[in-house]
PDB file of N, CA and C in Angstrom:
ATOM      1  N   MET A   1       6.645 -69.703   8.678  1.00  0.00           N
ATOM      2  CA  MET A   1       5.390 -69.022   8.942  1.00  0.00           C
ATOM      3  C   MET A   1       4.382 -70.042   9.463  1.00  0.00           C
ATOM      4  N   PRO A   2       3.755 -69.786  10.599  1.00  0.00           N
ATOM      5  CA  PRO A   2       2.754 -70.727  11.123  1.00  0.00           C
ATOM      6  C   PRO A   2       1.515 -70.763  10.234  1.00  0.00           C
ATOM      7  N   SER A   3       0.867 -71.896  10.231  1.00  0.00           N
ATOM      8  CA  SER A   3      -0.382 -72.012   9.480  1.00  0.00           C
ATOM      9  C   SER A   3      -1.485 -72.470  10.417  1.00  0.00           C
ATOM     10  N   ASN A   4      -2.694 -72.132  10.057  1.00  0.00           N
ATOM     11  CA  ASN A   4      -3.866 -72.522  10.838  1.00  0.00           C
ATOM     12  C   ASN A   4      -4.707 -73.469  10.013  1.00  0.00           C
ATOM     13  N   ASP A   5      -5.105 -74.572  10.627  1.00  0.00           N
ATOM     14  CA  ASP A   5      -6.021 -75.489   9.972  1.00  0.00           C
ATOM     15  C   ASP A   5      -7.459 -75.190  10.353  1.00  0.00           C
ATOM     16  N   TRP A   6      -7.648 -74.498  11.473  1.00  0.00           N
ATOM     17  CA  TRP A   6      -8.997 -74.320  11.982  1.00  0.00           C
ATOM     18  C   TRP A   6      -9.040 -73.134  12.926  1.00  0.00           C
ATOM     19  N   ILE A   7     -10.018 -72.299  12.761  1.00  0.00           N
ATOM     20  CA  ILE A   7     -10.265 -71.212  13.698  1.00  0.00           C
ATOM     21  C   ILE A   7     -11.763 -71.177  13.952  1.00  0.00           C
ATOM     22  N   ASN A   8     -12.140 -71.123  15.206  1.00  0.00           N
ATOM     23  CA  ASN A   8     -13.547 -71.013  15.582  1.00  0.00           C
ATOM     24  C   ASN A   8     -13.751 -69.797  16.458  1.00  0.00           C
ATOM     25  N   LEU A   9     -14.906 -69.236  16.374  1.00  0.00           N
ATOM     26  CA  LEU A   9     -15.325 -68.251  17.359  1.00  0.00           C
ATOM     27  C   LEU A   9     -16.161 -69.030  18.365  1.00  0.00           C
ATOM     28  N   ILE A  10     -15.602 -69.281  19.502  1.00  0.00           N
ATOM     29  CA  ILE A  10     -16.311 -70.020  20.538  1.00  0.00           C
ATOM     30  C   ILE A  10     -17.082 -69.006  21.366  1.00  0.00           C
ATOM     31  N   ALA A  11     -18.389 -69.105  21.301  1.00  0.00           N
ATOM     32  CA  ALA A  11     -19.255 -68.075  21.871  1.00  0.00           C
ATOM     33  C   ALA A  11     -19.862 -68.524  23.195  1.00  0.00           C
ATOM     34  N   TYR A  12     -19.016 -68.918  24.112  1.00  0.00           N
ATOM     35  CA  TYR A  12     -19.439 -69.239  25.468  1.00  0.00           C
ATOM     36  C   TYR A  12     -18.237 -69.070  26.385  1.00  0.00           C
ATOM     37  N   ASP A  13     -18.452 -69.246  27.666  1.00  0.00           N
ATOM     38  CA  ASP A  13     -17.406 -69.059  28.676  1.00  0.00           C
ATOM     39  C   ASP A  13     -16.846 -67.641  28.685  1.00  0.00           C
ATOM     40  N   TYR A  14     -17.717 -66.673  28.473  1.00  0.00           N
ATOM     41  CA  TYR A  14     -17.280 -65.291  28.575  1.00  0.00           C
ATOM     42  C   TYR A  14     -17.006 -64.923  30.031  1.00  0.00           C
ATOM     43  N   TYR A  15     -17.689 -65.597  30.935  1.00  0.00           N
ATOM     44  CA  TYR A  15     -17.450 -65.425  32.359  1.00  0.00           C
ATOM     45  C   TYR A  15     -17.360 -66.793  33.000  1.00  0.00           C
ATOM     46  N   GLY A  16     -16.590 -66.887  34.057  1.00  0.00           N
ATOM     47  CA  GLY A  16     -16.438 -68.145  34.777  1.00  0.00           C
ATOM     48  C   GLY A  16     -15.676 -67.915  36.063  1.00  0.00           C
ATOM     49  N   PRO A  17     -15.161 -68.976  36.664  1.00  0.00           N
ATOM     50  CA  PRO A  17     -14.475 -68.840  37.952  1.00  0.00           C
ATOM     51  C   PRO A  17     -13.231 -67.954  37.898  1.00  0.00           C
ATOM     52  N   TRP A  18     -12.705 -67.707  36.727  1.00  0.00           N
ATOM     53  CA  TRP A  18     -11.539 -66.829  36.561  1.00  0.00           C
ATOM     54  C   TRP A  18     -11.902 -65.343  36.590  1.00  0.00           C
ATOM     55  N   SER A  19     -13.199 -65.052  36.468  1.00  0.00           N
ATOM     56  CA  SER A  19     -13.656 -63.665  36.387  1.00  0.00           C
ATOM     57  C   SER A  19     -13.702 -63.019  37.762  1.00  0.00           C
ATOM     58  N   HIS A  20     -13.479 -61.719  37.796  1.00  0.00           N
ATOM     59  CA  HIS A  20     -13.580 -60.970  39.042  1.00  0.00           C
ATOM     60  C   HIS A  20     -15.021 -60.623  39.379  1.00  0.00           C
ATOM     61  N   GLN A  21     -15.904 -60.745  38.378  1.00  0.00           N
ATOM     62  CA  GLN A  21     -17.313 -60.420  38.554  1.00  0.00           C
ATOM     63  C   GLN A  21     -18.131 -61.475  37.820  1.00  0.00           C
ATOM     64  N   THR A  22     -19.265 -61.849  38.364  1.00  0.00           N
ATOM     65  CA  THR A  22     -20.130 -62.823  37.716  1.00  0.00           C
ATOM     66  C   THR A  22     -20.908 -62.176  36.593  1.00  0.00           C
ATOM     67  N   GLY A  23     -20.982 -62.867  35.467  1.00  0.00           N
ATOM     68  CA  GLY A  23     -21.749 -62.387  34.323  1.00  0.00           C
ATOM     69  C   GLY A  23     -22.329 -63.566  33.573  1.00  0.00           C
ATOM     70  N   ALA A  24     -23.131 -63.288  32.592  1.00  0.00           N
ATOM     71  CA  ALA A  24     -23.731 -64.357  31.780  1.00  0.00           C
ATOM     72  C   ALA A  24     -22.640 -65.140  31.055  1.00  0.00           C
ATOM     73  N   ASN A  25     -22.811 -66.430  30.964  1.00  0.00           N
ATOM     74  CA  ASN A  25     -21.858 -67.322  30.309  1.00  0.00           C
ATOM     75  C   ASN A  25     -21.666 -66.987  28.838  1.00  0.00           C
ATOM     76  N   ALA A  26     -22.758 -66.653  28.147  1.00  0.00           N
ATOM     77  CA  ALA A  26     -22.703 -66.390  26.703  1.00  0.00           C
ATOM     78  C   ALA A  26     -23.644 -65.250  26.339  1.00  0.00           C
ATOM     79  N   PRO A  27     -23.340 -64.017  26.768  1.00  0.00           N
ATOM     80  CA  PRO A  27     -24.220 -62.888  26.457  1.00  0.00           C
ATOM     81  C   PRO A  27     -24.185 -62.572  24.966  1.00  0.00           C
ATOM     82  N   LEU A  28     -25.351 -62.458  24.349  1.00  0.00           N
ATOM     83  CA  LEU A  28     -25.423 -62.287  22.905  1.00  0.00           C
ATOM     84  C   LEU A  28     -25.191 -60.856  22.447  1.00  0.00           C
ATOM     85  N   SER A  29     -26.013 -59.933  22.889  1.00  0.00           N
ATOM     86  CA  SER A  29     -25.962 -58.594  22.292  1.00  0.00           C
ATOM     87  C   SER A  29     -25.473 -57.503  23.239  1.00  0.00           C
ATOM     88  N   ALA A  30     -25.230 -57.817  24.483  1.00  0.00           N
ATOM     89  CA  ALA A  30     -24.695 -56.830  25.425  1.00  0.00           C
ATOM     90  C   ALA A  30     -24.108 -57.572  26.618  1.00  0.00           C
ATOM     91  N   ASP A  31     -23.111 -56.992  27.221  1.00  0.00           N
ATOM     92  CA  ASP A  31     -22.515 -57.574  28.420  1.00  0.00           C
ATOM     93  C   ASP A  31     -23.546 -57.543  29.541  1.00  0.00           C
ATOM     94  N   SER A  32     -23.523 -58.551  30.380  1.00  0.00           N
ATOM     95  CA  SER A  32     -24.482 -58.612  31.487  1.00  0.00           C
ATOM     96  C   SER A  32     -23.961 -57.927  32.742  1.00  0.00           C
ATOM     97  N   THR A  33     -22.758 -57.391  32.681  1.00  0.00           N
ATOM     98  CA  THR A  33     -22.203 -56.711  33.844  1.00  0.00           C
ATOM     99  C   THR A  33     -22.167 -55.202  33.592  1.00  0.00           C
ATOM    100  N   PRO A  34     -22.364 -54.394  34.615  1.00  0.00           N
ATOM    101  CA  PRO A  34     -22.358 -52.938  34.437  1.00  0.00           C
ATOM    102  C   PRO A  34     -21.034 -52.445  33.855  1.00  0.00           C
ATOM    103  N   GLY A  35     -21.125 -51.703  32.761  1.00  0.00           N
ATOM    104  CA  GLY A  35     -19.944 -51.125  32.131  1.00  0.00           C
ATOM    105  C   GLY A  35     -19.078 -52.099  31.360  1.00  0.00           C
ATOM    106  N   GLY A  36     -19.488 -53.361  31.270  1.00  0.00           N
ATOM    107  CA  GLY A  36     -18.688 -54.365  30.574  1.00  0.00           C
ATOM    108  C   GLY A  36     -18.874 -54.308  29.066  1.00  0.00           C
ATOM    109  N   ASN A  37     -17.941 -54.887  28.341  1.00  0.00           N
ATOM    110  CA  ASN A  37     -18.055 -54.920  26.878  1.00  0.00           C
ATOM    111  C   ASN A  37     -17.678 -56.286  26.316  1.00  0.00           C
ATOM    112  N   THR A  38     -17.973 -57.333  27.073  1.00  0.00           N
ATOM    113  CA  THR A  38     -17.667 -58.695  26.660  1.00  0.00           C
ATOM    114  C   THR A  38     -18.969 -59.398  26.296  1.00  0.00           C
ATOM    115  N   PHE A  39     -19.176 -59.603  24.995  1.00  0.00           N
ATOM    116  CA  PHE A  39     -20.382 -60.299  24.541  1.00  0.00           C
ATOM    117  C   PHE A  39     -20.160 -60.815  23.120  1.00  0.00           C
ATOM    118  N   ILE A  40     -21.000 -61.750  22.716  1.00  0.00           N
ATOM    119  CA  ILE A  40     -20.845 -62.432  21.434  1.00  0.00           C
ATOM    120  C   ILE A  40     -20.869 -61.445  20.272  1.00  0.00           C
ATOM    121  N   GLY A  41     -21.798 -60.512  20.277  1.00  0.00           N
ATOM    122  CA  GLY A  41     -21.887 -59.539  19.187  1.00  0.00           C
ATOM    123  C   GLY A  41     -20.585 -58.777  19.001  1.00  0.00           C
ATOM    124  N   ARG A  42     -19.942 -58.431  20.083  1.00  0.00           N
ATOM    125  CA  ARG A  42     -18.663 -57.718  19.988  1.00  0.00           C
ATOM    126  C   ARG A  42     -17.588 -58.626  19.387  1.00  0.00           C
ATOM    127  N   SER A  43     -17.598 -59.891  19.760  1.00  0.00           N
ATOM    128  CA  SER A  43     -16.632 -60.831  19.183  1.00  0.00           C
ATOM    129  C   SER A  43     -16.824 -60.954  17.678  1.00  0.00           C
ATOM    130  N   VAL A  44     -18.085 -61.072  17.247  1.00  0.00           N
ATOM    131  CA  VAL A  44     -18.375 -61.141  15.811  1.00  0.00           C
ATOM    132  C   VAL A  44     -17.937 -59.848  15.135  1.00  0.00           C
ATOM    133  N   ASP A  45     -18.229 -58.721  15.751  1.00  0.00           N
ATOM    134  CA  ASP A  45     -17.799 -57.435  15.191  1.00  0.00           C
ATOM    135  C   ASP A  45     -16.286 -57.386  15.037  1.00  0.00           C
ATOM    136  N   ASN A  46     -15.556 -57.946  15.994  1.00  0.00           N
ATOM    137  CA  ASN A  46     -14.093 -57.970  15.884  1.00  0.00           C
ATOM    138  C   ASN A  46     -13.644 -58.768  14.663  1.00  0.00           C
ATOM    139  N   TYR A  47     -14.273 -59.892  14.405  1.00  0.00           N
ATOM    140  CA  TYR A  47     -13.950 -60.670  13.198  1.00  0.00           C
ATOM    141  C   TYR A  47     -14.235 -59.832  11.951  1.00  0.00           C
ATOM    142  N   LEU A  48     -15.412 -59.221  11.922  1.00  0.00           N
ATOM    143  CA  LEU A  48     -15.791 -58.432  10.746  1.00  0.00           C
ATOM    144  C   LEU A  48     -14.886 -57.211  10.592  1.00  0.00           C
ATOM    145  N   ASP A  49     -14.493 -56.599  11.693  1.00  0.00           N
ATOM    146  CA  ASP A  49     -13.584 -55.453  11.635  1.00  0.00           C
ATOM    147  C   ASP A  49     -12.220 -55.835  11.071  1.00  0.00           C
ATOM    148  N   GLN A  50     -11.871 -57.099  11.194  1.00  0.00           N
ATOM    149  CA  GLN A  50     -10.607 -57.583  10.641  1.00  0.00           C
ATOM    150  C   GLN A  50     -10.777 -58.066   9.203  1.00  0.00           C
ATOM    151  N   HIS A  51     -11.904 -57.679   8.603  1.00  0.00           N
ATOM    152  CA  HIS A  51     -12.196 -57.946   7.189  1.00  0.00           C
ATOM    153  C   HIS A  51     -12.477 -59.420   6.884  1.00  0.00           C
ATOM    154  N   VAL A  52     -13.055 -60.113   7.860  1.00  0.00           N
ATOM    155  CA  VAL A  52     -13.541 -61.466   7.584  1.00  0.00           C
ATOM    156  C   VAL A  52     -14.870 -61.304   6.877  1.00  0.00           C
ATOM    157  N   PRO A  53     -14.959 -61.677   5.605  1.00  0.00           N
ATOM    158  CA  PRO A  53     -16.202 -61.479   4.867  1.00  0.00           C
ATOM    159  C   PRO A  53     -17.308 -62.413   5.377  1.00  0.00           C
ATOM    160  N   PRO A  54     -18.428 -61.874   5.805  1.00  0.00           N
ATOM    161  CA  PRO A  54     -19.481 -62.729   6.355  1.00  0.00           C
ATOM    162  C   PRO A  54     -20.120 -63.635   5.313  1.00  0.00           C
ATOM    163  N   GLU A  55     -19.991 -63.313   4.029  1.00  0.00           N
ATOM    164  CA  GLU A  55     -20.635 -64.113   2.982  1.00  0.00           C
ATOM    165  C   GLU A  55     -19.687 -65.111   2.335  1.00  0.00           C
ATOM    166  N   LYS A  56     -18.462 -65.271   2.712  1.00  0.00           N
ATOM    167  CA  LYS A  56     -17.482 -66.142   2.068  1.00  0.00           C
ATOM    168  C   LYS A  56     -17.934 -67.590   2.137  1.00  0.00           C
ATOM    169  N   THR A  57     -17.560 -68.350   1.187  1.00  0.00           N
ATOM    170  CA  THR A  57     -17.546 -69.804   1.268  1.00  0.00           C
ATOM    171  C   THR A  57     -16.633 -70.161   2.400  1.00  0.00           C
ATOM    172  N   PRO A  58     -16.371 -71.502   2.829  1.00  0.00           N
ATOM    173  CA  PRO A  58     -15.983 -71.758   4.218  1.00  0.00           C
ATOM    174  C   PRO A  58     -14.571 -71.327   4.626  1.00  0.00           C
ATOM    175  N   PHE A  59     -13.993 -70.315   4.038  1.00  0.00           N
ATOM    176  CA  PHE A  59     -12.740 -69.763   4.536  1.00  0.00           C
ATOM    177  C   PHE A  59     -12.580 -68.328   4.041  1.00  0.00           C
ATOM    178  N   ALA A  60     -11.726 -67.622   4.724  1.00  0.00           N
ATOM    179  CA  ALA A  60     -11.396 -66.259   4.318  1.00  0.00           C
ATOM    180  C   ALA A  60      -9.906 -66.079   4.544  1.00  0.00           C
ATOM    181  N   TYR A  61      -9.266 -65.353   3.657  1.00  0.00           N
ATOM    182  CA  TYR A  61      -7.837 -65.092   3.792  1.00  0.00           C
ATOM    183  C   TYR A  61      -7.563 -63.634   3.495  1.00  0.00           C
ATOM    184  N   ASN A  62      -6.822 -63.001   4.369  1.00  0.00           N
ATOM    185  CA  ASN A  62      -6.411 -61.623   4.169  1.00  0.00           C
ATOM    186  C   ASN A  62      -4.911 -61.642   3.887  1.00  0.00           C
ATOM    187  N   PRO A  63      -4.501 -61.438   2.621  1.00  0.00           N
ATOM    188  CA  PRO A  63      -3.079 -61.541   2.292  1.00  0.00           C
ATOM    189  C   PRO A  63      -2.214 -60.462   2.950  1.00  0.00           C
ATOM    190  N   SER A  64      -2.777 -59.305   3.226  1.00  0.00           N
ATOM    191  CA  SER A  64      -1.948 -58.260   3.835  1.00  0.00           C
ATOM    192  C   SER A  64      -1.614 -58.564   5.290  1.00  0.00           C
ATOM    193  N   SER A  65      -2.518 -59.231   6.005  1.00  0.00           N
ATOM    194  CA  SER A  65      -2.235 -59.573   7.401  1.00  0.00           C
ATOM    195  C   SER A  65      -1.874 -61.045   7.573  1.00  0.00           C
ATOM    196  N   HIS A  66      -1.934 -61.802   6.478  1.00  0.00           N
ATOM    197  CA  HIS A  66      -1.655 -63.248   6.509  1.00  0.00           C
ATOM    198  C   HIS A  66      -2.578 -63.965   7.486  1.00  0.00           C
ATOM    199  N   THR A  67      -3.832 -63.537   7.521  1.00  0.00           N
ATOM    200  CA  THR A  67      -4.819 -64.122   8.421  1.00  0.00           C
ATOM    201  C   THR A  67      -5.717 -65.079   7.650  1.00  0.00           C
ATOM    202  N   PHE A  68      -5.835 -66.299   8.150  1.00  0.00           N
ATOM    203  CA  PHE A  68      -6.684 -67.326   7.543  1.00  0.00           C
ATOM    204  C   PHE A  68      -7.721 -67.755   8.565  1.00  0.00           C
ATOM    205  N   ILE A  69      -8.984 -67.796   8.167  1.00  0.00           N
ATOM    206  CA  ILE A  69     -10.078 -68.215   9.046  1.00  0.00           C
ATOM    207  C   ILE A  69     -10.922 -69.208   8.282  1.00  0.00           C
ATOM    208  N   SER A  70     -11.314 -70.303   8.936  1.00  0.00           N
ATOM    209  CA  SER A  70     -12.178 -71.277   8.283  1.00  0.00           C
ATOM    210  C   SER A  70     -13.407 -71.551   9.144  1.00  0.00           C
ATOM    211  N   TYR A  71     -14.470 -71.994   8.469  1.00  0.00           N
ATOM    212  CA  TYR A  71     -15.730 -72.328   9.137  1.00  0.00           C
ATOM    213  C   TYR A  71     -16.479 -73.254   8.196  1.00  0.00           C
ATOM    214  N   ASP A  72     -17.606 -73.781   8.628  1.00  0.00           N
ATOM    215  CA  ASP A  72     -18.358 -74.727   7.813  1.00  0.00           C
ATOM    216  C   ASP A  72     -19.547 -74.076   7.138  1.00  0.00           C
ATOM    217  N   ASP A  73     -19.847 -74.578   5.947  1.00  0.00           N
ATOM    218  CA  ASP A  73     -21.062 -74.233   5.220  1.00  0.00           C
ATOM    219  C   ASP A  73     -21.653 -75.564   4.734  1.00  0.00           C
ATOM    220  N   PRO A  74     -22.825 -75.570   4.091  1.00  0.00           N
ATOM    221  CA  PRO A  74     -23.424 -76.852   3.690  1.00  0.00           C
ATOM    222  C   PRO A  74     -22.502 -77.727   2.833  1.00  0.00           C
ATOM    223  N   LYS A  75     -21.728 -77.129   1.938  1.00  0.00           N
ATOM    224  CA  LYS A  75     -20.831 -77.926   1.088  1.00  0.00           C
ATOM    225  C   LYS A  75     -19.726 -78.589   1.916  1.00  0.00           C
ATOM    226  N   SER A  76     -19.112 -77.851   2.830  1.00  0.00           N
ATOM    227  CA  SER A  76     -18.040 -78.446   3.631  1.00  0.00           C
ATOM    228  C   SER A  76     -18.584 -79.518   4.581  1.00  0.00           C
ATOM    229  N   VAL A  77     -19.786 -79.295   5.113  1.00  0.00           N
ATOM    230  CA  VAL A  77     -20.401 -80.307   5.983  1.00  0.00           C
ATOM    231  C   VAL A  77     -20.691 -81.578   5.189  1.00  0.00           C
ATOM    232  N   ALA A  78     -21.197 -81.428   3.972  1.00  0.00           N
ATOM    233  CA  ALA A  78     -21.472 -82.596   3.128  1.00  0.00           C
ATOM    234  C   ALA A  78     -20.188 -83.359   2.809  1.00  0.00           C
ATOM    235  N   LEU A  79     -19.110 -82.641   2.541  1.00  0.00           N
ATOM    236  CA  LEU A  79     -17.830 -83.305   2.269  1.00  0.00           C
ATOM    237  C   LEU A  79     -17.332 -84.071   3.495  1.00  0.00           C
ATOM    238  N   LYS A  80     -17.524 -83.504   4.666  1.00  0.00           N
ATOM    239  CA  LYS A  80     -17.108 -84.190   5.891  1.00  0.00           C
ATOM    240  C   LYS A  80     -17.972 -85.424   6.147  1.00  0.00           C
ATOM    241  N   ALA A  81     -19.263 -85.316   5.863  1.00  0.00           N
ATOM    242  CA  ALA A  81     -20.145 -86.484   6.021  1.00  0.00           C
ATOM    243  C   ALA A  81     -19.770 -87.570   5.016  1.00  0.00           C
ATOM    244  N   ALA A  82     -19.421 -87.179   3.802  1.00  0.00           N
ATOM    245  CA  ALA A  82     -18.975 -88.157   2.804  1.00  0.00           C
ATOM    246  C   ALA A  82     -17.696 -88.849   3.277  1.00  0.00           C
ATOM    247  N   PHE A  83     -16.825 -88.104   3.914  1.00  0.00           N
ATOM    248  CA  PHE A  83     -15.598 -88.674   4.480  1.00  0.00           C
ATOM    249  C   PHE A  83     -15.941 -89.727   5.530  1.00  0.00           C
ATOM    250  N   VAL A  84     -16.924 -89.439   6.378  1.00  0.00           N
ATOM    251  CA  VAL A  84     -17.374 -90.404   7.386  1.00  0.00           C
ATOM    252  C   VAL A  84     -17.805 -91.698   6.696  1.00  0.00           C
ATOM    253  N   ASN A  85     -18.571 -91.567   5.600  1.00  0.00           N
ATOM    254  CA  ASN A  85     -19.012 -92.749   4.856  1.00  0.00           C
ATOM    255  C   ASN A  85     -17.839 -93.487   4.230  1.00  0.00           C
ATOM    256  N   GLN A  86     -16.947 -92.761   3.598  1.00  0.00           N
ATOM    257  CA  GLN A  86     -15.806 -93.389   2.916  1.00  0.00           C
ATOM    258  C   GLN A  86     -14.928 -94.174   3.876  1.00  0.00           C
ATOM    259  N   ARG A  87     -14.799 -93.684   5.087  1.00  0.00           N
ATOM    260  CA  ARG A  87     -13.963 -94.353   6.089  1.00  0.00           C
ATOM    261  C   ARG A  87     -14.742 -95.351   6.932  1.00  0.00           C
ATOM    262  N   HIS A  88     -16.029 -95.521   6.630  1.00  0.00           N
ATOM    263  CA  HIS A  88     -16.898 -96.461   7.361  1.00  0.00           C
ATOM    264  C   HIS A  88     -16.902 -96.167   8.858  1.00  0.00           C
ATOM    265  N   LEU A  89     -16.933 -94.872   9.187  1.00  0.00           N
ATOM    266  CA  LEU A  89     -16.982 -94.475  10.593  1.00  0.00           C
ATOM    267  C   LEU A  89     -18.400 -94.627  11.123  1.00  0.00           C
ATOM    268  N   GLY A  90     -18.536 -94.696  12.412  1.00  0.00           N
ATOM    269  CA  GLY A  90     -19.821 -94.944  13.037  1.00  0.00           C
ATOM    270  C   GLY A  90     -20.795 -93.781  13.020  1.00  0.00           C
ATOM    271  N   GLY A  91     -20.349 -92.599  12.680  1.00  0.00           N
ATOM    272  CA  GLY A  91     -21.245 -91.451  12.659  1.00  0.00           C
ATOM    273  C   GLY A  91     -20.478 -90.150  12.700  1.00  0.00           C
ATOM    274  N   ALA A  92     -21.219 -89.091  12.887  1.00  0.00           N
ATOM    275  CA  ALA A  92     -20.642 -87.749  12.940  1.00  0.00           C
ATOM    276  C   ALA A  92     -21.263 -87.007  14.102  1.00  0.00           C
ATOM    277  N   MET A  93     -20.614 -85.965  14.560  1.00  0.00           N
ATOM    278  CA  MET A  93     -21.083 -85.210  15.709  1.00  0.00           C
ATOM    279  C   MET A  93     -21.134 -83.727  15.366  1.00  0.00           C
ATOM    280  N   PHE A  94     -22.159 -83.061  15.825  1.00  0.00           N
ATOM    281  CA  PHE A  94     -22.263 -81.610  15.730  1.00  0.00           C
ATOM    282  C   PHE A  94     -22.139 -81.056  17.135  1.00  0.00           C
ATOM    283  N   TRP A  95     -21.367 -80.012  17.290  1.00  0.00           N
ATOM    284  CA  TRP A  95     -21.192 -79.422  18.617  1.00  0.00           C
ATOM    285  C   TRP A  95     -22.486 -78.794  19.104  1.00  0.00           C
ATOM    286  N   ALA A  96     -23.182 -78.060  18.226  1.00  0.00           N
ATOM    287  CA  ALA A  96     -24.383 -77.361  18.656  1.00  0.00           C
ATOM    288  C   ALA A  96     -25.382 -77.280  17.499  1.00  0.00           C
ATOM    289  N   LEU A  97     -26.296 -78.215  17.448  1.00  0.00           N
ATOM    290  CA  LEU A  97     -27.292 -78.237  16.380  1.00  0.00           C
ATOM    291  C   LEU A  97     -28.162 -76.992  16.370  1.00  0.00           C
ATOM    292  N   ASP A  98     -28.353 -76.396  17.531  1.00  0.00           N
ATOM    293  CA  ASP A  98     -29.232 -75.225  17.615  1.00  0.00           C
ATOM    294  C   ASP A  98     -28.632 -73.994  16.938  1.00  0.00           C
ATOM    295  N   LEU A  99     -27.377 -74.070  16.507  1.00  0.00           N
ATOM    296  CA  LEU A  99     -26.762 -72.940  15.814  1.00  0.00           C
ATOM    297  C   LEU A  99     -26.952 -73.003  14.305  1.00  0.00           C
ATOM    298  N   ASP A 100     -27.541 -74.086  13.812  1.00  0.00           N
ATOM    299  CA  ASP A 100     -27.855 -74.168  12.393  1.00  0.00           C
ATOM    300  C   ASP A 100     -28.983 -73.181  12.094  1.00  0.00           C
ATOM    301  N   ASP A 101     -29.180 -72.877  10.844  1.00  0.00           N
ATOM    302  CA  ASP A 101     -30.170 -71.866  10.427  1.00  0.00           C
ATOM    303  C   ASP A 101     -31.562 -72.503  10.366  1.00  0.00           C
ATOM    304  N   PHE A 102     -32.232 -72.549  11.519  1.00  0.00           N
ATOM    305  CA  PHE A 102     -33.542 -73.207  11.598  1.00  0.00           C
ATOM    306  C   PHE A 102     -34.593 -72.492  10.774  1.00  0.00           C
ATOM    307  N   LYS A 103     -34.418 -71.199  10.519  1.00  0.00           N
ATOM    308  CA  LYS A 103     -35.400 -70.451   9.725  1.00  0.00           C
ATOM    309  C   LYS A 103     -35.364 -70.844   8.255  1.00  0.00           C
ATOM    310  N   HIS A 104     -34.286 -71.455   7.839  1.00  0.00           N
ATOM    311  CA  HIS A 104     -34.136 -71.845   6.431  1.00  0.00           C
ATOM    312  C   HIS A 104     -33.896 -73.338   6.285  1.00  0.00           C
ATOM    313  N   GLY A 105     -34.522 -74.135   7.123  1.00  0.00           N
ATOM    314  CA  GLY A 105     -34.519 -75.592   6.958  1.00  0.00           C
ATOM    315  C   GLY A 105     -33.266 -76.313   7.400  1.00  0.00           C
ATOM    316  N   TYR A 106     -32.526 -75.777   8.346  1.00  0.00           N
ATOM    317  CA  TYR A 106     -31.320 -76.423   8.867  1.00  0.00           C
ATOM    318  C   TYR A 106     -30.368 -76.833   7.742  1.00  0.00           C
ATOM    319  N   PRO A 107     -29.769 -75.898   7.019  1.00  0.00           N
ATOM    320  CA  PRO A 107     -28.935 -76.245   5.865  1.00  0.00           C
ATOM    321  C   PRO A 107     -27.717 -77.108   6.210  1.00  0.00           C
ATOM    322  N   LEU A 108     -27.092 -76.899   7.361  1.00  0.00           N
ATOM    323  CA  LEU A 108     -25.919 -77.718   7.698  1.00  0.00           C
ATOM    324  C   LEU A 108     -26.320 -79.136   8.049  1.00  0.00           C
ATOM    325  N   LEU A 109     -27.284 -79.273   8.938  1.00  0.00           N
ATOM    326  CA  LEU A 109     -27.743 -80.599   9.332  1.00  0.00           C
ATOM    327  C   LEU A 109     -28.345 -81.343   8.146  1.00  0.00           C
ATOM    328  N   SER A 110     -29.108 -80.639   7.303  1.00  0.00           N
ATOM    329  CA  SER A 110     -29.713 -81.261   6.124  1.00  0.00           C
ATOM    330  C   SER A 110     -28.649 -81.749   5.150  1.00  0.00           C
ATOM    331  N   ALA A 111     -27.592 -80.971   4.947  1.00  0.00           N
ATOM    332  CA  ALA A 111     -26.511 -81.382   4.051  1.00  0.00           C
ATOM    333  C   ALA A 111     -25.813 -82.623   4.588  1.00  0.00           C
ATOM    334  N   ALA A 112     -25.576 -82.664   5.903  1.00  0.00           N
ATOM    335  CA  ALA A 112     -24.949 -83.842   6.513  1.00  0.00           C
ATOM    336  C   ALA A 112     -25.846 -85.066   6.374  1.00  0.00           C
ATOM    337  N   LYS A 113     -27.128 -84.893   6.618  1.00  0.00           N
ATOM    338  CA  LYS A 113     -28.067 -86.008   6.528  1.00  0.00           C
ATOM    339  C   LYS A 113     -28.102 -86.560   5.100  1.00  0.00           C
ATOM    340  N   ARG A 114     -28.218 -85.662   4.106  1.00  0.00           N
ATOM    341  CA  ARG A 114     -28.245 -86.128   2.709  1.00  0.00           C
ATOM    342  C   ARG A 114     -26.984 -86.924   2.360  1.00  0.00           C
ATOM    343  N   ALA A 115     -25.843 -86.425   2.792  1.00  0.00           N
ATOM    344  CA  ALA A 115     -24.589 -87.109   2.490  1.00  0.00           C
ATOM    345  C   ALA A 115     -24.475 -88.442   3.225  1.00  0.00           C
ATOM    346  N   LEU A 116     -24.912 -88.480   4.466  1.00  0.00           N
ATOM    347  CA  LEU A 116     -24.798 -89.717   5.253  1.00  0.00           C
ATOM    348  C   LEU A 116     -25.741 -90.796   4.739  1.00  0.00           C
ATOM    349  N   ILE A 117     -26.964 -90.427   4.340  1.00  0.00           N
ATOM    350  CA  ILE A 117     -27.902 -91.454   3.884  1.00  0.00           C
ATOM    351  C   ILE A 117     -27.651 -91.867   2.429  1.00  0.00           C
ATOM    352  N   SER A 118     -26.800 -91.143   1.724  1.00  0.00           N
ATOM    353  CA  SER A 118     -26.521 -91.507   0.333  1.00  0.00           C
ATOM    354  C   SER A 118     -25.408 -92.550   0.237  1.00  0.00           C
ATOM    355  N   ALA A 119     -24.943 -93.032   1.382  1.00  0.00           N
ATOM    356  CA  ALA A 119     -23.875 -94.023   1.357  1.00  0.00           C
ATOM    357  C   ALA A 119     -24.366 -95.316   0.712  1.00  0.00           C
ATOM    358  N   PRO A 120     -23.485 -95.960  -0.053  1.00  0.00           N
ATOM    359  CA  PRO A 120     -23.882 -97.224  -0.712  1.00  0.00           C
ATOM    360  C   PRO A 120     -24.174 -98.325   0.272  1.00  0.00           C
TER     361      PRO A 120
END
């Protein structure tokens, strides 16, 4: 049985040179093309329709479909930052800082910062 170590919902490149029609690269709540149904909200709905709990700690598993999905939360980010410290690595990278929850004090970035500056 195959296993997954990581699954992401990559919310860009919905349209590109492979498309038959030009559309927005990362449409959030509706497709930018007439009659289209390709947009980020629909992708998220597909995850939720497959019973991915939106409130889970950083993974979800559906035993009936054998589906495993993982993502980061403040605890997992802090553990990864601690790993960076333990291995004496030069730093850490975030793919998109603007996707952190800015309305609630950037919990992912804040967790990483706390863990990185707590190094001995």
